[in-house]
Amino acid sequence: MSDSEDLLAWLQDWYARQCNGDWEHEWGVKVATIDNPGWTVEIDLEETDLEGRECPRQDVNRSAQDWVWAWTAENTFHAACGPGNLSEALALFRTWATAHVC
């Protein structure tokens, strides 16, 4: 299994653990494209064991196409990144969620 497949499997498992018949109707995980170009990620933390935890904003800017930003606000983990950095953005969430660091 590749690192990306392992990361995606972890995210799927995290999401499935949150689903309790109610959570998934109100909250969730959203991945979308932006016109920079790049990606945005929003992961709702309401009613999870991560609710209320902070991740100070971090910006990694390597080039116009190679960048990733991550932070929490209003009980949501946010990430935005370049077109080739989606795995890196999701890995930041996994690291924060499992190791309590951002």
N, C-alpha and C. Protein backbone atom coordinates (compact mmCIF):
# COMPACT_ATOMS: atom_id res chain seq x y z
N MET A 1 0.85 -1.17 0.00
CA MET A 1 0.00 0.00 0.00
C MET A 1 0.90 1.24 0.00
N SER A 2 0.62 2.18 -0.87
CA SER A 2 1.41 3.42 -0.95
C SER A 2 1.06 4.34 0.22
N ASP A 3 1.90 5.33 0.44
CA ASP A 3 1.64 6.30 1.50
C ASP A 3 0.31 7.01 1.29
N SER A 4 -0.01 7.36 0.03
CA SER A 4 -1.27 8.03 -0.26
C SER A 4 -2.47 7.13 0.02
N GLU A 5 -2.35 5.85 -0.34
CA GLU A 5 -3.44 4.92 -0.07
C GLU A 5 -3.62 4.73 1.44
N ASP A 6 -2.49 4.65 2.17
CA ASP A 6 -2.54 4.52 3.62
C ASP A 6 -3.20 5.74 4.24
N LEU A 7 -2.85 6.93 3.77
CA LEU A 7 -3.43 8.17 4.27
C LEU A 7 -4.93 8.21 4.00
N LEU A 8 -5.33 7.85 2.80
CA LEU A 8 -6.74 7.84 2.46
C LEU A 8 -7.50 6.81 3.29
N ALA A 9 -6.91 5.64 3.50
CA ALA A 9 -7.54 4.62 4.34
C ALA A 9 -7.71 5.14 5.77
N TRP A 10 -6.69 5.85 6.28
CA TRP A 10 -6.79 6.41 7.62
C TRP A 10 -7.93 7.42 7.69
N LEU A 11 -8.03 8.33 6.70
CA LEU A 11 -9.08 9.34 6.69
C LEU A 11 -10.46 8.69 6.60
N GLN A 12 -10.59 7.68 5.77
CA GLN A 12 -11.87 6.97 5.66
C GLN A 12 -12.25 6.34 6.99
N ASP A 13 -11.28 5.76 7.68
CA ASP A 13 -11.53 5.15 8.97
C ASP A 13 -11.92 6.20 10.00
N TRP A 14 -11.19 7.34 10.02
CA TRP A 14 -11.53 8.42 10.94
C TRP A 14 -12.96 8.88 10.71
N TYR A 15 -13.32 9.10 9.45
CA TYR A 15 -14.68 9.53 9.11
C TYR A 15 -15.71 8.50 9.58
N ALA A 16 -15.47 7.23 9.28
CA ALA A 16 -16.42 6.18 9.65
C ALA A 16 -16.62 6.12 11.17
N ARG A 17 -15.55 6.37 11.94
CA ARG A 17 -15.66 6.35 13.40
C ARG A 17 -16.52 7.50 13.92
N GLN A 18 -16.61 8.58 13.18
CA GLN A 18 -17.43 9.72 13.61
C GLN A 18 -18.91 9.47 13.33
N CYS A 19 -19.19 8.67 12.33
CA CYS A 19 -20.58 8.44 11.91
C CYS A 19 -21.32 7.63 12.97
N ASN A 20 -22.34 8.26 13.55
CA ASN A 20 -23.08 7.62 14.63
C ASN A 20 -24.59 7.69 14.41
N GLY A 21 -24.99 8.00 13.20
CA GLY A 21 -26.40 8.15 12.91
C GLY A 21 -26.85 9.60 12.94
N ASP A 22 -26.07 10.45 13.61
CA ASP A 22 -26.40 11.88 13.69
C ASP A 22 -25.30 12.74 13.10
N TRP A 23 -24.05 12.48 13.50
CA TRP A 23 -22.92 13.34 13.11
C TRP A 23 -22.86 13.56 11.61
N GLU A 24 -22.97 12.50 10.85
CA GLU A 24 -22.81 12.59 9.40
C GLU A 24 -23.92 13.38 8.71
N HIS A 25 -25.02 13.61 9.40
CA HIS A 25 -26.10 14.42 8.82
C HIS A 25 -25.83 15.92 8.98
N GLU A 26 -25.01 16.27 9.95
CA GLU A 26 -24.73 17.67 10.24
C GLU A 26 -23.30 18.08 9.85
N TRP A 27 -22.36 17.16 9.96
CA TRP A 27 -20.93 17.46 9.82
C TRP A 27 -20.30 16.57 8.76
N GLY A 28 -19.01 16.78 8.48
CA GLY A 28 -18.36 15.92 7.49
C GLY A 28 -16.99 16.40 7.08
N VAL A 29 -16.55 15.88 5.95
CA VAL A 29 -15.25 16.20 5.35
C VAL A 29 -15.54 16.72 3.95
N LYS A 30 -14.95 17.87 3.63
CA LYS A 30 -15.17 18.46 2.31
C LYS A 30 -13.82 18.71 1.64
N VAL A 31 -13.68 18.26 0.42
CA VAL A 31 -12.49 18.51 -0.39
C VAL A 31 -12.98 19.14 -1.69
N ALA A 32 -12.38 20.27 -2.05
CA ALA A 32 -12.81 20.97 -3.26
C ALA A 32 -11.59 21.57 -3.96
N THR A 33 -11.77 21.92 -5.20
CA THR A 33 -10.70 22.59 -5.94
C THR A 33 -10.89 24.09 -5.85
N ILE A 34 -9.76 24.81 -6.02
CA ILE A 34 -9.78 26.27 -6.08
C ILE A 34 -9.06 26.69 -7.36
N ASP A 35 -9.22 27.94 -7.73
CA ASP A 35 -8.71 28.39 -9.02
C ASP A 35 -7.29 28.94 -8.98
N ASN A 36 -6.55 28.69 -7.92
CA ASN A 36 -5.17 29.19 -7.82
C ASN A 36 -4.18 28.50 -8.78
N PRO A 37 -4.13 27.32 -9.16
CA PRO A 37 -5.02 26.20 -8.83
C PRO A 37 -4.60 25.53 -7.52
N GLY A 38 -5.47 24.71 -7.00
CA GLY A 38 -5.17 23.99 -5.79
C GLY A 38 -6.40 23.34 -5.19
N TRP A 39 -6.30 23.06 -3.90
CA TRP A 39 -7.33 22.33 -3.17
C TRP A 39 -7.67 23.05 -1.87
N THR A 40 -8.88 22.84 -1.39
CA THR A 40 -9.25 23.21 -0.03
C THR A 40 -9.80 21.97 0.66
N VAL A 41 -9.57 21.91 1.95
CA VAL A 41 -10.06 20.82 2.79
C VAL A 41 -10.71 21.44 4.02
N GLU A 42 -11.91 20.99 4.35
CA GLU A 42 -12.58 21.38 5.58
C GLU A 42 -13.06 20.12 6.27
N ILE A 43 -12.62 19.94 7.51
CA ILE A 43 -12.99 18.76 8.28
C ILE A 43 -13.65 19.24 9.57
N ASP A 44 -14.94 18.96 9.69
CA ASP A 44 -15.70 19.38 10.86
C ASP A 44 -15.24 18.61 12.09
N LEU A 45 -15.02 19.34 13.18
CA LEU A 45 -14.56 18.74 14.43
C LEU A 45 -15.65 18.70 15.48
N GLU A 46 -16.79 19.33 15.20
CA GLU A 46 -17.91 19.33 16.15
C GLU A 46 -18.27 17.89 16.50
N GLU A 47 -18.51 17.66 17.79
CA GLU A 47 -18.96 16.37 18.29
C GLU A 47 -17.98 15.23 17.98
N THR A 48 -16.68 15.56 17.86
CA THR A 48 -15.63 14.55 17.74
C THR A 48 -14.70 14.71 18.92
N ASP A 49 -13.77 13.79 19.10
CA ASP A 49 -12.81 13.93 20.19
C ASP A 49 -11.81 15.05 19.92
N LEU A 50 -11.85 15.65 18.75
CA LEU A 50 -10.97 16.77 18.40
C LEU A 50 -11.63 18.13 18.62
N GLU A 51 -12.89 18.13 18.99
CA GLU A 51 -13.62 19.39 19.19
C GLU A 51 -12.90 20.27 20.20
N GLY A 52 -12.73 21.53 19.85
CA GLY A 52 -12.11 22.50 20.74
C GLY A 52 -10.60 22.55 20.68
N ARG A 53 -9.97 21.61 20.01
CA ARG A 53 -8.50 21.63 19.90
C ARG A 53 -8.07 22.66 18.88
N GLU A 54 -6.96 23.30 19.15
CA GLU A 54 -6.45 24.35 18.27
C GLU A 54 -5.25 23.86 17.47
N CYS A 55 -5.19 24.31 16.25
CA CYS A 55 -4.02 24.14 15.38
C CYS A 55 -3.67 25.53 14.89
N PRO A 56 -2.61 26.14 15.43
CA PRO A 56 -2.23 27.47 14.96
C PRO A 56 -1.94 27.44 13.46
N ARG A 57 -2.27 28.52 12.79
CA ARG A 57 -2.07 28.57 11.34
C ARG A 57 -0.60 28.36 11.01
N GLN A 58 -0.37 27.51 10.03
CA GLN A 58 0.97 27.32 9.50
C GLN A 58 0.91 27.42 7.98
N ASP A 59 1.83 28.18 7.44
CA ASP A 59 1.91 28.39 6.00
C ASP A 59 3.27 27.91 5.51
N VAL A 60 3.25 27.01 4.55
CA VAL A 60 4.47 26.55 3.89
C VAL A 60 4.35 26.99 2.44
N ASN A 61 5.18 27.90 2.01
CA ASN A 61 5.14 28.46 0.66
C ASN A 61 6.46 28.16 -0.04
N ARG A 62 6.47 27.15 -0.88
CA ARG A 62 7.69 26.79 -1.60
C ARG A 62 7.76 27.44 -2.98
N SER A 63 6.60 27.51 -3.64
CA SER A 63 6.49 28.15 -4.96
C SER A 63 5.02 28.40 -5.23
N ALA A 64 4.72 29.00 -6.37
CA ALA A 64 3.34 29.30 -6.72
C ALA A 64 2.48 28.04 -6.86
N GLN A 65 3.09 26.90 -7.16
CA GLN A 65 2.37 25.64 -7.33
C GLN A 65 2.59 24.66 -6.16
N ASP A 66 3.51 24.98 -5.27
CA ASP A 66 3.92 24.05 -4.20
C ASP A 66 3.79 24.75 -2.85
N TRP A 67 2.62 24.63 -2.24
CA TRP A 67 2.34 25.32 -0.99
C TRP A 67 1.25 24.58 -0.23
N VAL A 68 1.23 24.77 1.09
CA VAL A 68 0.18 24.21 1.92
C VAL A 68 0.01 25.07 3.16
N TRP A 69 -1.23 25.37 3.50
CA TRP A 69 -1.58 26.12 4.69
C TRP A 69 -2.55 25.26 5.50
N ALA A 70 -2.45 25.30 6.82
CA ALA A 70 -3.37 24.55 7.68
C ALA A 70 -3.64 25.34 8.95
N TRP A 71 -4.87 25.23 9.47
CA TRP A 71 -5.26 25.91 10.70
C TRP A 71 -6.63 25.39 11.14
N THR A 72 -6.98 25.70 12.38
CA THR A 72 -8.33 25.43 12.84
C THR A 72 -9.02 26.76 13.12
N ALA A 73 -10.31 26.78 12.91
CA ALA A 73 -11.17 27.92 13.23
C ALA A 73 -12.59 27.41 13.36
N GLU A 74 -13.27 27.86 14.40
CA GLU A 74 -14.68 27.53 14.60
C GLU A 74 -14.93 26.03 14.51
N ASN A 75 -14.12 25.25 15.22
CA ASN A 75 -14.26 23.80 15.29
C ASN A 75 -14.19 23.12 13.92
N THR A 76 -13.35 23.67 13.05
CA THR A 76 -13.11 23.07 11.74
C THR A 76 -11.62 23.09 11.46
N PHE A 77 -11.10 21.98 10.98
CA PHE A 77 -9.72 21.94 10.50
C PHE A 77 -9.77 22.38 9.04
N HIS A 78 -8.98 23.39 8.71
CA HIS A 78 -8.92 23.92 7.35
C HIS A 78 -7.54 23.66 6.77
N ALA A 79 -7.50 23.38 5.50
CA ALA A 79 -6.24 23.34 4.76
C ALA A 79 -6.51 23.86 3.36
N ALA A 80 -5.50 24.51 2.82
CA ALA A 80 -5.52 24.95 1.42
C ALA A 80 -4.13 24.62 0.90
N CYS A 81 -4.05 24.24 -0.37
CA CYS A 81 -2.75 23.80 -0.88
C CYS A 81 -2.70 23.88 -2.40
N GLY A 82 -1.49 23.74 -2.90
CA GLY A 82 -1.27 23.71 -4.33
C GLY A 82 -1.82 22.44 -4.96
N PRO A 83 -1.81 22.37 -6.29
CA PRO A 83 -2.44 21.24 -6.99
C PRO A 83 -1.78 19.89 -6.70
N GLY A 84 -0.52 19.87 -6.31
CA GLY A 84 0.15 18.61 -6.01
C GLY A 84 0.35 18.35 -4.54
N ASN A 85 -0.35 19.11 -3.67
CA ASN A 85 -0.10 19.02 -2.24
C ASN A 85 -1.28 18.49 -1.41
N LEU A 86 -2.27 17.90 -2.06
CA LEU A 86 -3.43 17.42 -1.31
C LEU A 86 -3.04 16.37 -0.28
N SER A 87 -2.19 15.42 -0.66
CA SER A 87 -1.76 14.39 0.31
C SER A 87 -1.04 15.03 1.49
N GLU A 88 -0.22 16.03 1.22
CA GLU A 88 0.49 16.72 2.29
C GLU A 88 -0.50 17.41 3.24
N ALA A 89 -1.52 18.04 2.70
CA ALA A 89 -2.52 18.71 3.52
C ALA A 89 -3.27 17.69 4.39
N LEU A 90 -3.67 16.56 3.81
CA LEU A 90 -4.37 15.54 4.58
C LEU A 90 -3.44 14.91 5.62
N ALA A 91 -2.16 14.80 5.30
CA ALA A 91 -1.19 14.26 6.26
C ALA A 91 -1.04 15.20 7.45
N LEU A 92 -1.12 16.51 7.22
CA LEU A 92 -1.09 17.46 8.33
C LEU A 92 -2.26 17.23 9.27
N PHE A 93 -3.43 16.96 8.72
CA PHE A 93 -4.59 16.65 9.57
C PHE A 93 -4.34 15.38 10.37
N ARG A 94 -3.86 14.33 9.71
CA ARG A 94 -3.61 13.07 10.42
C ARG A 94 -2.60 13.28 11.54
N THR A 95 -1.51 13.99 11.26
CA THR A 95 -0.49 14.24 12.27
C THR A 95 -1.08 15.00 13.45
N TRP A 96 -1.83 16.04 13.16
CA TRP A 96 -2.46 16.84 14.21
C TRP A 96 -3.46 16.01 15.01
N ALA A 97 -4.28 15.23 14.32
CA ALA A 97 -5.32 14.47 14.99
C ALA A 97 -4.76 13.33 15.85
N THR A 98 -3.65 12.77 15.45
CA THR A 98 -3.13 11.59 16.17
C THR A 98 -2.01 11.93 17.13
N ALA A 99 -1.21 12.96 16.84
CA ALA A 99 -0.07 13.28 17.69
C ALA A 99 -0.28 14.56 18.48
N HIS A 100 -1.43 15.19 18.31
CA HIS A 100 -1.76 16.42 19.03
C HIS A 100 -0.79 17.54 18.75
N VAL A 101 -0.23 17.55 17.53
CA VAL A 101 0.62 18.66 17.09
C VAL A 101 0.15 19.10 15.71
N CYS A 102 0.45 20.32 15.39
CA CYS A 102 0.08 20.83 14.08
C CYS A 102 1.31 21.38 13.41
